């Protein structure tokens, strides 16, 4: 994957092009990238990224995963974020 995440500048680059992410999209991407190859359930992601918001549901995680995929995946290429059926989501490191 050719995605670079710079936590200092809050910038994401893919193939040397800047990708604009919303703060929660950035937080989700950063969280998954910090734990490569480790799948997380939607509930586990909710607990880490939306800890004080009781009105959120696992559906929200699906929405953010879809947004990240739309912005970062290359058509015909391997997806950055993979779904582990029955478990959750992960980023696979090479």
N, C-alpha and C. Protein backbone atom coordinates (compact mmCIF):
# COMPACT_ATOMS: atom_id res chain seq x y z
N UNK A 1 0.84 -1.19 0.00
CA UNK A 1 0.00 0.00 0.00
C UNK A 1 0.88 1.24 0.00
N UNK A 2 0.52 2.22 -0.75
CA UNK A 2 1.32 3.44 -0.84
C UNK A 2 0.64 4.59 -0.11
N UNK A 3 0.14 4.31 1.09
CA UNK A 3 -0.52 5.33 1.89
C UNK A 3 0.42 5.74 3.02
N UNK A 4 0.66 7.04 3.13
CA UNK A 4 1.50 7.57 4.20
C UNK A 4 0.65 8.45 5.10
N UNK A 5 0.84 8.29 6.40
CA UNK A 5 0.09 9.07 7.37
C UNK A 5 1.09 9.84 8.23
N UNK A 6 0.95 11.15 8.27
CA UNK A 6 1.84 12.00 9.07
C UNK A 6 1.03 12.57 10.23
N UNK A 7 1.28 12.04 11.43
CA UNK A 7 0.49 12.47 12.58
C UNK A 7 0.81 13.90 12.99
N UNK A 8 2.03 14.34 12.75
CA UNK A 8 2.41 15.71 13.15
C UNK A 8 1.63 16.76 12.36
N UNK A 9 1.52 16.54 11.06
CA UNK A 9 0.84 17.53 10.21
C UNK A 9 -0.62 17.15 9.91
N UNK A 10 -1.04 15.98 10.38
CA UNK A 10 -2.39 15.47 10.10
C UNK A 10 -2.64 15.38 8.60
N UNK A 11 -1.64 14.92 7.87
CA UNK A 11 -1.75 14.79 6.42
C UNK A 11 -1.68 13.31 6.04
N UNK A 12 -2.43 12.97 5.02
CA UNK A 12 -2.40 11.63 4.46
C UNK A 12 -2.07 11.78 2.98
N UNK A 13 -1.13 10.96 2.53
CA UNK A 13 -0.74 10.97 1.13
C UNK A 13 -0.90 9.56 0.56
N UNK A 14 -1.39 9.52 -0.66
CA UNK A 14 -1.46 8.25 -1.39
C UNK A 14 -0.86 8.49 -2.75
N UNK A 15 0.15 7.69 -3.05
CA UNK A 15 0.84 7.83 -4.34
C UNK A 15 1.27 9.28 -4.56
N UNK A 16 1.83 9.88 -3.52
CA UNK A 16 2.34 11.25 -3.55
C UNK A 16 1.28 12.32 -3.78
N UNK A 17 0.03 11.98 -3.57
CA UNK A 17 -1.04 12.98 -3.65
C UNK A 17 -1.68 13.10 -2.28
N UNK A 18 -1.96 14.33 -1.89
CA UNK A 18 -2.58 14.55 -0.59
C UNK A 18 -4.04 14.11 -0.63
N UNK A 19 -4.46 13.43 0.42
CA UNK A 19 -5.85 12.99 0.55
C UNK A 19 -6.43 13.73 1.75
N UNK A 20 -7.53 14.42 1.53
CA UNK A 20 -8.16 15.18 2.61
C UNK A 20 -9.11 14.28 3.39
N UNK A 21 -8.84 14.13 4.68
CA UNK A 21 -9.68 13.32 5.54
C UNK A 21 -10.28 14.20 6.64
N UNK A 22 -11.48 13.86 7.03
CA UNK A 22 -12.11 14.50 8.18
C UNK A 22 -11.41 13.98 9.44
N UNK A 23 -11.49 14.72 10.56
CA UNK A 23 -10.76 14.31 11.77
C UNK A 23 -11.04 12.87 12.22
N UNK A 24 -12.28 12.44 12.19
CA UNK A 24 -12.58 11.06 12.62
C UNK A 24 -12.06 10.04 11.60
N UNK A 25 -12.08 10.38 10.32
CA UNK A 25 -11.53 9.49 9.30
C UNK A 25 -10.03 9.32 9.54
N UNK A 26 -9.36 10.44 9.83
CA UNK A 26 -7.92 10.40 10.11
C UNK A 26 -7.66 9.54 11.35
N UNK A 27 -8.46 9.75 12.41
CA UNK A 27 -8.28 9.00 13.65
C UNK A 27 -8.47 7.50 13.42
N UNK A 28 -9.47 7.14 12.63
CA UNK A 28 -9.72 5.73 12.34
C UNK A 28 -8.57 5.13 11.54
N UNK A 29 -8.11 5.83 10.52
CA UNK A 29 -7.00 5.35 9.72
C UNK A 29 -5.75 5.21 10.58
N UNK A 30 -5.47 6.22 11.39
CA UNK A 30 -4.30 6.17 12.27
C UNK A 30 -4.38 4.98 13.22
N UNK A 31 -5.54 4.77 13.82
CA UNK A 31 -5.72 3.66 14.75
C UNK A 31 -5.43 2.32 14.07
N UNK A 32 -6.02 2.10 12.89
CA UNK A 32 -5.80 0.83 12.19
C UNK A 32 -4.35 0.68 11.74
N UNK A 33 -3.73 1.78 11.30
CA UNK A 33 -2.34 1.70 10.84
C UNK A 33 -1.38 1.44 12.00
N UNK A 34 -1.74 1.86 13.19
CA UNK A 34 -0.88 1.61 14.36
C UNK A 34 -0.95 0.16 14.82
N UNK A 35 -1.93 -0.58 14.35
CA UNK A 35 -2.12 -1.98 14.74
C UNK A 35 -2.24 -2.85 13.49
N UNK A 36 -1.19 -2.89 12.66
CA UNK A 36 -1.30 -3.66 11.41
C UNK A 36 -1.56 -5.14 11.67
N UNK A 37 -2.33 -5.72 10.78
CA UNK A 37 -2.66 -7.15 10.79
C UNK A 37 -3.53 -7.57 11.97
N UNK A 38 -3.98 -6.63 12.76
CA UNK A 38 -4.82 -6.94 13.92
C UNK A 38 -6.24 -6.49 13.65
N UNK A 39 -7.19 -7.44 13.56
CA UNK A 39 -8.57 -7.04 13.29
C UNK A 39 -9.25 -6.49 14.54
N UNK A 40 -10.09 -5.48 14.33
CA UNK A 40 -10.86 -4.88 15.41
C UNK A 40 -12.34 -4.89 15.04
N UNK A 41 -13.17 -5.27 16.00
CA UNK A 41 -14.61 -5.24 15.76
C UNK A 41 -15.09 -3.79 15.71
N UNK A 42 -16.26 -3.60 15.15
CA UNK A 42 -16.84 -2.25 15.11
C UNK A 42 -17.01 -1.71 16.53
N UNK A 43 -17.40 -2.57 17.46
CA UNK A 43 -17.57 -2.13 18.85
C UNK A 43 -16.25 -1.69 19.46
N UNK A 44 -15.18 -2.44 19.19
CA UNK A 44 -13.86 -2.06 19.73
C UNK A 44 -13.42 -0.71 19.16
N UNK A 45 -13.68 -0.49 17.88
CA UNK A 45 -13.33 0.80 17.25
C UNK A 45 -14.18 1.92 17.86
N UNK A 46 -15.46 1.67 18.05
CA UNK A 46 -16.33 2.67 18.68
C UNK A 46 -15.82 3.05 20.06
N UNK A 47 -15.44 2.05 20.85
CA UNK A 47 -14.95 2.31 22.21
C UNK A 47 -13.69 3.15 22.22
N UNK A 48 -12.85 3.01 21.18
CA UNK A 48 -11.61 3.76 21.14
C UNK A 48 -11.77 5.16 20.55
N UNK A 49 -12.61 5.29 19.53
CA UNK A 49 -12.70 6.57 18.81
C UNK A 49 -13.90 7.42 19.20
N UNK A 50 -14.92 6.81 19.75
CA UNK A 50 -16.11 7.55 20.19
C UNK A 50 -16.45 7.15 21.63
N UNK A 51 -15.48 7.22 22.56
CA UNK A 51 -15.70 6.64 23.89
C UNK A 51 -16.80 7.29 24.71
N UNK A 52 -17.05 8.56 24.53
CA UNK A 52 -18.01 9.24 25.40
C UNK A 52 -19.36 9.46 24.74
N UNK A 53 -19.50 8.98 23.51
CA UNK A 53 -20.75 9.23 22.79
C UNK A 53 -21.63 7.98 22.82
N UNK A 54 -22.68 8.04 23.59
CA UNK A 54 -23.52 6.85 23.78
C UNK A 54 -24.49 6.62 22.62
N UNK A 55 -24.67 7.62 21.79
CA UNK A 55 -25.66 7.50 20.70
C UNK A 55 -25.11 6.85 19.44
N UNK A 56 -23.84 6.49 19.44
CA UNK A 56 -23.26 5.93 18.22
C UNK A 56 -23.47 4.42 18.18
N UNK A 57 -23.49 3.88 16.96
CA UNK A 57 -23.70 2.44 16.78
C UNK A 57 -22.61 1.89 15.86
N UNK A 58 -22.47 0.58 15.84
CA UNK A 58 -21.48 -0.03 14.94
C UNK A 58 -21.68 0.37 13.48
N UNK A 59 -22.90 0.76 13.13
CA UNK A 59 -23.19 1.21 11.76
C UNK A 59 -22.33 2.42 11.40
N UNK A 60 -22.05 3.27 12.38
CA UNK A 60 -21.22 4.46 12.16
C UNK A 60 -19.81 4.06 11.71
N UNK A 61 -19.27 3.00 12.31
CA UNK A 61 -17.94 2.52 11.93
C UNK A 61 -17.97 2.08 10.47
N UNK A 62 -19.03 1.38 10.07
CA UNK A 62 -19.15 0.93 8.67
C UNK A 62 -19.14 2.12 7.73
N UNK A 63 -19.84 3.19 8.12
CA UNK A 63 -19.89 4.40 7.29
C UNK A 63 -18.49 4.98 7.13
N UNK A 64 -17.74 5.08 8.21
CA UNK A 64 -16.39 5.65 8.14
C UNK A 64 -15.42 4.76 7.39
N UNK A 65 -15.57 3.44 7.55
CA UNK A 65 -14.73 2.51 6.78
C UNK A 65 -15.01 2.72 5.29
N UNK A 66 -16.28 2.84 4.93
CA UNK A 66 -16.65 3.05 3.52
C UNK A 66 -16.08 4.35 2.99
N UNK A 67 -16.11 5.42 3.82
CA UNK A 67 -15.55 6.70 3.39
C UNK A 67 -14.05 6.58 3.14
N UNK A 68 -13.35 5.91 4.04
CA UNK A 68 -11.91 5.73 3.87
C UNK A 68 -11.60 4.91 2.63
N UNK A 69 -12.36 3.86 2.42
CA UNK A 69 -12.14 3.03 1.23
C UNK A 69 -12.34 3.84 -0.04
N UNK A 70 -13.38 4.66 -0.05
CA UNK A 70 -13.66 5.48 -1.24
C UNK A 70 -12.51 6.44 -1.53
N UNK A 71 -11.92 7.00 -0.48
CA UNK A 71 -10.85 7.98 -0.65
C UNK A 71 -9.49 7.35 -0.89
N UNK A 72 -9.26 6.13 -0.40
CA UNK A 72 -7.91 5.57 -0.41
C UNK A 72 -7.71 4.35 -1.30
N UNK A 73 -8.76 3.64 -1.63
CA UNK A 73 -8.57 2.43 -2.44
C UNK A 73 -8.41 2.79 -3.91
N UNK A 74 -7.58 2.04 -4.59
CA UNK A 74 -7.36 2.20 -6.02
C UNK A 74 -8.20 1.16 -6.74
N UNK A 75 -8.92 1.60 -7.74
CA UNK A 75 -9.77 0.68 -8.49
C UNK A 75 -8.92 -0.44 -9.06
N UNK A 76 -9.34 -1.67 -8.82
CA UNK A 76 -8.61 -2.82 -9.32
C UNK A 76 -7.46 -3.25 -8.41
N UNK A 77 -7.15 -2.43 -7.41
CA UNK A 77 -6.06 -2.77 -6.50
C UNK A 77 -6.58 -3.43 -5.24
N UNK A 78 -5.65 -3.90 -4.42
CA UNK A 78 -6.03 -4.51 -3.14
C UNK A 78 -6.54 -3.42 -2.21
N UNK A 79 -7.60 -3.70 -1.46
CA UNK A 79 -8.12 -2.68 -0.55
C UNK A 79 -7.15 -2.41 0.60
N UNK A 80 -7.10 -1.18 1.04
CA UNK A 80 -6.25 -0.82 2.19
C UNK A 80 -6.80 -1.46 3.45
N UNK A 81 -8.11 -1.30 3.68
CA UNK A 81 -8.75 -1.84 4.86
C UNK A 81 -9.53 -3.08 4.44
N UNK A 82 -9.22 -4.20 5.07
CA UNK A 82 -9.93 -5.43 4.72
C UNK A 82 -10.91 -5.79 5.83
N UNK A 83 -11.97 -6.47 5.43
CA UNK A 83 -12.97 -6.94 6.37
C UNK A 83 -12.64 -8.39 6.72
N UNK A 84 -12.54 -8.67 8.00
CA UNK A 84 -12.37 -10.04 8.47
C UNK A 84 -13.76 -10.48 8.92
N UNK A 85 -14.40 -11.30 8.10
CA UNK A 85 -15.81 -11.63 8.33
C UNK A 85 -16.02 -12.25 9.71
N UNK A 86 -16.99 -11.71 10.42
CA UNK A 86 -17.31 -12.18 11.74
C UNK A 86 -16.40 -11.62 12.83
N UNK A 87 -15.39 -10.84 12.42
CA UNK A 87 -14.43 -10.31 13.39
C UNK A 87 -14.41 -8.79 13.37
N UNK A 88 -14.06 -8.20 12.21
CA UNK A 88 -13.99 -6.74 12.13
C UNK A 88 -13.16 -6.29 10.95
N UNK A 89 -12.37 -5.24 11.19
CA UNK A 89 -11.60 -4.60 10.12
C UNK A 89 -10.13 -4.55 10.49
N UNK A 90 -9.27 -4.59 9.46
CA UNK A 90 -7.84 -4.47 9.71
C UNK A 90 -7.14 -3.91 8.48
N UNK A 91 -5.93 -3.44 8.72
CA UNK A 91 -5.03 -3.04 7.64
C UNK A 91 -3.92 -4.07 7.63
N UNK A 92 -3.66 -4.63 6.48
CA UNK A 92 -2.61 -5.63 6.36
C UNK A 92 -1.32 -4.94 5.95
N UNK A 93 -0.26 -5.17 6.71
CA UNK A 93 1.02 -4.58 6.33
C UNK A 93 1.77 -5.58 5.45
N UNK A 94 2.55 -5.03 4.56
CA UNK A 94 3.29 -5.89 3.61
C UNK A 94 4.43 -6.61 4.32
